[in-house]
Amino acid sequence: MRVYQNYNQQSQEVSCQALYEYIIDKGYQKASLSNYILDSSWLYKVTAYEYNYKTYVIAEIKENEYSYKTSTYIFCGISNMNWNYFQFGDYNDSNSYGERFHKYIFNYKCDCE
């Protein structure tokens, strides 16, 4: 992902870890859904942050449905509409959180290493 600093055109590549730390430090936490709410075999926790009028989602995903070990991923450029459809569903969409995550969030994985 290219991050613009100080609103100028100078860019630099960032690691996913650096982006993750920056967003949780500087961003505003909009919402967080825990495994109790998600009731998913693979989603453990999903948290949305807003930074500079953009939504970032940090998801902890289980290694498998029986594992307590998770890996953390960051997703960039999520629209407010997509976040709301994931969090609350759509009047036409009664899918599970896992299905809605794939539909509204999954394709926005940040381009970082």
C-alpha atoms as a PDB file:
ATOM      1  CA  MET A   1       0.000   0.000   0.000  1.00  0.00           C
ATOM      2  CA  ARG A   2       1.204   3.476  -0.703  1.00  0.00           C
ATOM      3  CA  VAL A   3       0.823   5.854   2.210  1.00  0.00           C
ATOM      4  CA  TYR A   4       0.998   9.606   1.670  1.00  0.00           C
ATOM      5  CA  GLN A   5       2.560  11.496   4.538  1.00  0.00           C
ATOM      6  CA  ASN A   6       1.938  15.155   5.379  1.00  0.00           C
ATOM      7  CA  TYR A   7      -0.513  15.447   2.463  1.00  0.00           C
ATOM      8  CA  ASN A   8       2.291  15.675  -0.088  1.00  0.00           C
ATOM      9  CA  GLN A   9       2.980  13.498  -3.096  1.00  0.00           C
ATOM     10  CA  GLN A  10       5.941  11.690  -1.541  1.00  0.00           C
ATOM     11  CA  SER A  11       5.062   8.030  -1.027  1.00  0.00           C
ATOM     12  CA  GLN A  12       6.667   5.058   0.598  1.00  0.00           C
ATOM     13  CA  GLU A  13       5.916   1.363   0.864  1.00  0.00           C
ATOM     14  CA  VAL A  14       4.903   0.131   4.306  1.00  0.00           C
ATOM     15  CA  SER A  15       4.765  -3.295   5.894  1.00  0.00           C
ATOM     16  CA  CYS A  16       1.437  -4.702   7.044  1.00  0.00           C
ATOM     17  CA  GLN A  17       2.738  -4.695  10.616  1.00  0.00           C
ATOM     18  CA  ALA A  18       3.661  -0.994  10.414  1.00  0.00           C
ATOM     19  CA  LEU A  19       0.290  -0.147   8.853  1.00  0.00           C
ATOM     20  CA  TYR A  20      -1.527  -2.177  11.515  1.00  0.00           C
ATOM     21  CA  GLU A  21       0.328  -0.383  14.333  1.00  0.00           C
ATOM     22  CA  TYR A  22      -0.254   3.013  12.753  1.00  0.00           C
ATOM     23  CA  ILE A  23      -3.987   2.476  12.272  1.00  0.00           C
ATOM     24  CA  ILE A  24      -4.617   1.211  15.816  1.00  0.00           C
ATOM     25  CA  ASP A  25      -2.503   4.053  17.223  1.00  0.00           C
ATOM     26  CA  LYS A  26      -3.816   6.953  15.109  1.00  0.00           C
ATOM     27  CA  GLY A  27      -7.220   5.706  13.973  1.00  0.00           C
ATOM     28  CA  TYR A  28     -10.580   5.977  15.682  1.00  0.00           C
ATOM     29  CA  GLN A  29     -12.150   2.623  16.571  1.00  0.00           C
ATOM     30  CA  LYS A  30     -15.631   2.594  15.029  1.00  0.00           C
ATOM     31  CA  ALA A  31     -16.786  -0.854  16.073  1.00  0.00           C
ATOM     32  CA  SER A  32     -15.558  -4.259  17.127  1.00  0.00           C
ATOM     33  CA  LEU A  33     -17.266  -7.628  16.873  1.00  0.00           C
ATOM     34  CA  SER A  34     -15.969 -10.491  19.013  1.00  0.00           C
ATOM     35  CA  ASN A  35     -16.190 -14.239  18.485  1.00  0.00           C
ATOM     36  CA  TYR A  36     -19.295 -14.386  20.715  1.00  0.00           C
ATOM     37  CA  ILE A  37     -21.194 -12.092  18.370  1.00  0.00           C
ATOM     38  CA  LEU A  38     -19.681 -13.406  15.138  1.00  0.00           C
ATOM     39  CA  ASP A  39     -20.490 -17.042  15.974  1.00  0.00           C
ATOM     40  CA  SER A  40     -18.132 -18.084  13.172  1.00  0.00           C
ATOM     41  CA  SER A  41     -15.932 -21.127  12.754  1.00  0.00           C
ATOM     42  CA  TRP A  42     -13.128 -18.988  11.295  1.00  0.00           C
ATOM     43  CA  LEU A  43     -13.646 -15.316  12.270  1.00  0.00           C
ATOM     44  CA  TYR A  44     -12.431 -14.574  15.790  1.00  0.00           C
ATOM     45  CA  LYS A  45     -12.595 -10.769  15.965  1.00  0.00           C
ATOM     46  CA  VAL A  46     -13.298  -8.002  13.451  1.00  0.00           C
ATOM     47  CA  THR A  47     -12.592  -4.353  14.274  1.00  0.00           C
ATOM     48  CA  ALA A  48     -13.173  -1.272  12.121  1.00  0.00           C
ATOM     49  CA  TYR A  49     -11.031   1.848  12.446  1.00  0.00           C
ATOM     50  CA  GLU A  50     -11.448   5.181  10.748  1.00  0.00           C
ATOM     51  CA  TYR A  51      -8.413   7.199   9.792  1.00  0.00           C
ATOM     52  CA  ASN A  52      -8.352  10.230   7.511  1.00  0.00           C
ATOM     53  CA  TYR A  53     -11.983   9.580   6.503  1.00  0.00           C
ATOM     54  CA  LYS A  54     -11.207   6.026   5.376  1.00  0.00           C
ATOM     55  CA  THR A  55     -12.244   2.757   7.004  1.00  0.00           C
ATOM     56  CA  TYR A  56      -9.713   0.042   7.782  1.00  0.00           C
ATOM     57  CA  VAL A  57     -10.724  -3.374   9.082  1.00  0.00           C
ATOM     58  CA  ILE A  58      -8.493  -5.545  11.219  1.00  0.00           C
ATOM     59  CA  ALA A  59      -9.580  -9.161  11.338  1.00  0.00           C
ATOM     60  CA  GLU A  60      -8.301 -11.956  13.541  1.00  0.00           C
ATOM     61  CA  ILE A  61      -8.893 -15.199  11.690  1.00  0.00           C
ATOM     62  CA  LYS A  62      -8.594 -18.662  13.241  1.00  0.00           C
ATOM     63  CA  GLU A  63      -6.114 -21.167  11.816  1.00  0.00           C
ATOM     64  CA  ASN A  64      -8.961 -23.682  11.709  1.00  0.00           C
ATOM     65  CA  GLU A  65     -12.361 -24.065  13.307  1.00  0.00           C
ATOM     66  CA  TYR A  66     -10.953 -25.893  16.363  1.00  0.00           C
ATOM     67  CA  SER A  67      -7.969 -23.618  16.966  1.00  0.00           C
ATOM     68  CA  TYR A  68      -7.609 -20.734  19.386  1.00  0.00           C
ATOM     69  CA  LYS A  69      -4.571 -19.492  17.459  1.00  0.00           C
ATOM     70  CA  THR A  70      -5.300 -16.616  15.081  1.00  0.00           C
ATOM     71  CA  SER A  71      -3.579 -14.593  12.391  1.00  0.00           C
ATOM     72  CA  THR A  72      -4.249 -10.885  11.952  1.00  0.00           C
ATOM     73  CA  TYR A  73      -5.017  -9.268   8.588  1.00  0.00           C
ATOM     74  CA  ILE A  74      -5.703  -5.664   7.622  1.00  0.00           C
ATOM     75  CA  PHE A  75      -8.165  -4.541   4.959  1.00  0.00           C
ATOM     76  CA  CYS A  76      -8.105  -1.065   3.398  1.00  0.00           C
ATOM     77  CA  GLY A  77     -10.576   1.253   1.699  1.00  0.00           C
ATOM     78  CA  ILE A  78     -13.752  -0.296   3.044  1.00  0.00           C
ATOM     79  CA  SER A  79     -16.745   1.908   2.273  1.00  0.00           C
ATOM     80  CA  ASN A  80     -19.099   2.822   5.106  1.00  0.00           C
ATOM     81  CA  MET A  81     -21.840   1.027   3.211  1.00  0.00           C
ATOM     82  CA  ASN A  82     -19.790  -2.203   3.030  1.00  0.00           C
ATOM     83  CA  TRP A  83     -18.934  -1.989   6.728  1.00  0.00           C
ATOM     84  CA  ASN A  84     -22.596  -1.437   7.632  1.00  0.00           C
ATOM     85  CA  TYR A  85     -23.728  -4.318   5.418  1.00  0.00           C
ATOM     86  CA  PHE A  86     -21.142  -6.544   7.086  1.00  0.00           C
ATOM     87  CA  GLN A  87     -21.997  -5.416  10.615  1.00  0.00           C
ATOM     88  CA  PHE A  88     -25.783  -5.241  10.365  1.00  0.00           C
ATOM     89  CA  GLY A  89     -26.683  -7.140   7.207  1.00  0.00           C
ATOM     90  CA  ASP A  90     -28.903  -5.954   4.419  1.00  0.00           C
ATOM     91  CA  TYR A  91     -32.671  -6.171   4.383  1.00  0.00           C
ATOM     92  CA  ASN A  92     -32.254  -8.742   1.571  1.00  0.00           C
ATOM     93  CA  ASP A  93     -29.240 -10.445   3.180  1.00  0.00           C
ATOM     94  CA  SER A  94     -29.658 -12.891   6.048  1.00  0.00           C
ATOM     95  CA  ASN A  95     -26.206 -14.428   5.550  1.00  0.00           C
ATOM     96  CA  SER A  96     -23.863 -15.211   8.423  1.00  0.00           C
ATOM     97  CA  TYR A  97     -21.036 -12.889   9.439  1.00  0.00           C
ATOM     98  CA  GLY A  98     -18.576 -15.177   7.665  1.00  0.00           C
ATOM     99  CA  GLU A  99     -20.516 -14.988   4.407  1.00  0.00           C
ATOM    100  CA  ARG A 100     -20.929 -11.214   4.721  1.00  0.00           C
ATOM    101  CA  PHE A 101     -17.203 -10.838   5.490  1.00  0.00           C
ATOM    102  CA  HIS A 102     -16.390 -12.576   2.201  1.00  0.00           C
ATOM    103  CA  LYS A 103     -18.934 -10.470   0.339  1.00  0.00           C
ATOM    104  CA  TYR A 104     -18.181  -7.005   1.772  1.00  0.00           C
ATOM    105  CA  ILE A 105     -14.646  -7.002   3.282  1.00  0.00           C
ATOM    106  CA  PHE A 106     -12.434  -9.851   2.044  1.00  0.00           C
ATOM    107  CA  ASN A 107     -11.584  -8.402  -1.392  1.00  0.00           C
ATOM    108  CA  TYR A 108     -10.105  -5.267   0.209  1.00  0.00           C
ATOM    109  CA  LYS A 109      -7.003  -6.850   1.750  1.00  0.00           C
ATOM    110  CA  CYS A 110      -4.314  -4.154   1.955  1.00  0.00           C
ATOM    111  CA  ASP A 111      -1.529  -4.253  -0.571  1.00  0.00           C
ATOM    112  CA  CYS A 112       1.280  -4.515   1.981  1.00  0.00           C
ATOM    113  CA  GLU A 113       3.873  -7.092   2.955  1.00  0.00           C
END
